[in-house]
Amino acid sequence: MNFSFLILTLYFSSQRKEGQIIFHAVSKDVPPDIPVDEMNLIPIKITIYGPDDCAVKDKQELLDKRIKRISSETYAQGALITQADIAILLEESTRTISQHITSLEKKGELVPTRGKMEVHRSWDKPHEKKLWSFTSKVMNILRSKERQNIVAKPSCAMGRTLKEYW
């Protein structure tokens, strides 16, 4: 290989190919409760249209393929994309994208999106399991009191404990 080819490859291999766009998505490391203006956004390359898309005849199958490709490319580059972002990129409704993702997941496909991966990631943290368990118990108690037509207000101690968890 000659040196000029290596230099050209080094500087221009990151160029977009046909059908690709640059999109700023939220880093995988950003927790769910961070305000949008404080989120770490990563520029990623997403393939909206691929050359092999022409071979797909069924519109639903094509949409499934594009959803999987977009979410996988985003995840591989260290970010997560929302279903709403996918809907905007593919010019579909959020409901349509959500239905397709649900259908894909029922078939055993993994479609990494911001909402789904945050739920999975949170179960890796023991303190969040404890919080979920504690909050669930409190909510169950409150629901049972409501069923008995008893007004249930958390005591100061319970409110303080909840704040400590949050």
Protein backbone atom coordinates (compact mmCIF):
# COMPACT_ATOMS: atom_id res chain seq x y z
CA MET A 1 0.00 0.00 0.00
CA ASN A 2 1.27 3.42 -0.75
CA PHE A 3 1.46 6.19 1.81
CA SER A 4 -0.96 8.57 0.07
CA PHE A 5 -3.67 5.90 0.06
CA LEU A 6 -3.20 5.40 3.81
CA ILE A 7 -3.48 9.15 4.41
CA LEU A 8 -6.62 9.41 2.27
CA THR A 9 -8.14 6.42 4.04
CA LEU A 10 -7.27 7.85 7.43
CA TYR A 11 -8.86 11.23 6.77
CA PHE A 12 -11.72 10.34 4.48
CA SER A 13 -12.85 6.90 5.66
CA SER A 14 -15.09 8.61 8.19
CA GLN A 15 -16.98 10.37 5.41
CA ARG A 16 -20.63 9.51 5.03
CA LYS A 17 -21.69 7.04 2.42
CA GLU A 18 -24.78 7.32 0.28
CA GLY A 19 -27.89 7.06 2.44
CA GLN A 20 -26.12 8.02 5.67
CA ILE A 21 -26.72 11.07 7.84
CA ILE A 22 -25.04 12.52 10.92
CA PHE A 23 -27.38 12.56 13.91
CA HIS A 24 -26.71 13.67 17.47
CA ALA A 25 -27.93 11.02 19.91
CA VAL A 26 -27.66 10.72 23.67
CA SER A 27 -24.65 8.83 25.01
CA LYS A 28 -25.31 5.37 26.51
CA ASP A 29 -23.87 6.62 29.80
CA VAL A 30 -26.46 9.37 30.37
CA PRO A 31 -28.97 8.37 33.08
CA PRO A 32 -32.69 8.88 32.42
CA ASP A 33 -33.27 11.78 34.82
CA ILE A 34 -30.81 14.26 33.24
CA PRO A 35 -32.35 17.39 31.63
CA VAL A 36 -32.04 17.53 27.85
CA ASP A 37 -29.78 20.59 27.87
CA GLU A 38 -27.29 18.75 30.12
CA MET A 39 -27.19 15.49 28.13
CA ASN A 40 -23.99 14.37 26.44
CA LEU A 41 -24.85 14.16 22.73
CA ILE A 42 -22.67 12.14 20.38
CA PRO A 43 -22.55 12.68 16.61
CA ILE A 44 -23.26 9.32 14.99
CA LYS A 45 -23.61 8.05 11.44
CA ILE A 46 -26.96 6.47 10.70
CA THR A 47 -27.82 4.66 7.48
CA ILE A 48 -31.32 5.76 6.55
CA TYR A 49 -31.23 4.04 3.19
CA GLY A 50 -28.98 1.10 2.34
CA PRO A 51 -28.31 -0.42 -1.08
CA ASP A 52 -29.82 -3.76 0.00
CA ASP A 53 -33.12 -2.06 0.92
CA CYS A 54 -34.19 -2.35 -2.72
CA ALA A 55 -34.34 -6.14 -2.43
CA VAL A 56 -37.04 -5.97 0.25
CA LYS A 57 -40.50 -6.07 -1.33
CA ASP A 58 -42.74 -5.80 1.74
CA LYS A 59 -43.15 -2.32 3.25
CA GLN A 60 -43.52 -3.67 6.81
CA GLU A 61 -40.43 -5.84 6.46
CA LEU A 62 -38.47 -2.85 5.12
CA LEU A 63 -39.54 -0.69 8.06
CA ASP A 64 -38.52 -3.44 10.52
CA LYS A 65 -35.14 -3.73 8.82
CA ARG A 66 -34.55 0.02 8.94
CA ILE A 67 -35.59 0.29 12.61
CA LYS A 68 -33.18 -2.53 13.57
CA ARG A 69 -30.37 -1.00 11.52
CA ILE A 70 -30.79 2.50 12.95
CA SER A 71 -30.98 1.34 16.57
CA SER A 72 -28.06 -1.09 16.16
CA GLU A 73 -25.80 1.46 14.44
CA THR A 74 -26.59 4.01 17.14
CA TYR A 75 -25.83 1.53 19.92
CA ALA A 76 -22.60 0.37 18.25
CA GLN A 77 -21.37 3.98 18.20
CA GLY A 78 -21.94 4.46 21.94
CA ALA A 79 -25.34 6.14 21.93
CA LEU A 80 -29.02 5.33 22.29
CA ILE A 81 -31.83 6.70 20.18
CA THR A 82 -35.46 7.20 21.19
CA GLN A 83 -38.45 5.77 19.37
CA ALA A 84 -39.53 9.35 18.64
CA ASP A 85 -36.18 10.05 16.96
CA ILE A 86 -36.54 6.92 14.82
CA ALA A 87 -40.07 8.03 13.89
CA ILE A 88 -38.79 11.43 12.77
CA LEU A 89 -35.91 9.93 10.78
CA LEU A 90 -38.15 7.42 9.00
CA GLU A 91 -41.09 9.83 8.62
CA GLU A 92 -43.45 7.54 10.50
CA SER A 93 -45.57 8.04 13.60
CA THR A 94 -44.14 7.20 17.01
CA ARG A 95 -47.01 4.77 17.47
CA THR A 96 -46.08 2.89 14.28
CA ILE A 97 -42.44 2.66 15.36
CA SER A 98 -43.47 1.48 18.83
CA GLN A 99 -45.73 -1.22 17.36
CA HIS A 100 -42.95 -2.45 15.07
CA ILE A 101 -40.43 -2.56 17.94
CA THR A 102 -42.90 -4.49 20.10
CA SER A 103 -43.49 -6.93 17.24
CA LEU A 104 -39.74 -7.39 16.71
CA GLU A 105 -39.17 -8.00 20.42
CA LYS A 106 -41.92 -10.64 20.48
CA LYS A 107 -39.95 -12.42 17.73
CA GLY A 108 -36.86 -12.34 19.96
CA GLU A 109 -35.10 -9.42 18.26
CA LEU A 110 -33.22 -6.90 20.40
CA VAL A 111 -33.93 -3.30 19.40
CA PRO A 112 -31.79 -1.03 21.62
CA THR A 113 -33.62 2.25 22.21
CA ARG A 114 -33.16 4.79 24.97
CA GLY A 115 -36.28 3.87 26.94
CA LYS A 116 -35.82 0.10 26.68
CA MET A 117 -32.12 0.00 27.50
CA GLU A 118 -32.55 2.30 30.51
CA VAL A 119 -35.02 -0.17 32.00
CA HIS A 120 -32.62 -3.08 31.43
CA ARG A 121 -29.62 -1.10 32.68
CA SER A 122 -31.38 -0.05 35.89
CA TRP A 123 -31.74 -3.67 37.01
CA ASP A 124 -27.94 -3.94 37.05
CA LYS A 125 -27.79 -1.47 39.96
CA PRO A 126 -28.68 -2.99 43.35
CA HIS A 127 -29.66 0.34 44.91
CA GLU A 128 -32.21 0.89 42.15
CA LYS A 129 -33.68 -2.56 42.80
CA LYS A 130 -34.06 -1.59 46.45
CA LEU A 131 -35.69 1.70 45.48
CA TRP A 132 -38.10 -0.09 43.15
CA SER A 133 -38.94 -2.61 45.84
CA PHE A 134 -39.48 0.08 48.49
CA THR A 135 -41.55 2.29 46.17
CA SER A 136 -43.67 -0.68 45.08
CA LYS A 137 -44.41 -1.60 48.69
CA VAL A 138 -45.42 1.98 49.53
CA MET A 139 -47.65 2.22 46.45
CA ASN A 140 -49.30 -1.12 47.27
CA ILE A 141 -50.04 0.08 50.81
CA LEU A 142 -51.49 3.34 49.50
CA ARG A 143 -53.63 1.50 46.94
CA SER A 144 -55.00 -0.87 49.58
CA LYS A 145 -55.87 2.08 51.83
CA GLU A 146 -57.63 3.81 48.91
CA ARG A 147 -59.66 0.67 48.29
CA GLN A 148 -60.83 0.82 51.88
CA ASN A 149 -61.80 4.50 51.36
CA ILE A 150 -59.21 5.59 53.87
CA VAL A 151 -57.27 8.73 53.07
CA ALA A 152 -53.63 7.75 53.28
CA LYS A 153 -50.96 10.41 53.51
CA PRO A 154 -47.33 9.49 53.95
CA SER A 155 -45.88 10.41 57.31
CA CYS A 156 -42.90 12.74 57.56
CA ALA A 157 -40.66 9.76 58.23
CA MET A 158 -41.81 7.97 55.08
CA GLY A 159 -41.48 11.17 53.04
CA ARG A 160 -37.97 11.67 54.38
CA THR A 161 -37.08 8.07 53.56
CA LEU A 162 -38.38 8.48 50.02
CA LYS A 163 -36.27 11.63 49.60
CA GLU A 164 -33.20 9.75 50.81
CA TYR A 165 -33.77 7.14 48.12
CA TRP A 166 -34.25 9.72 45.41
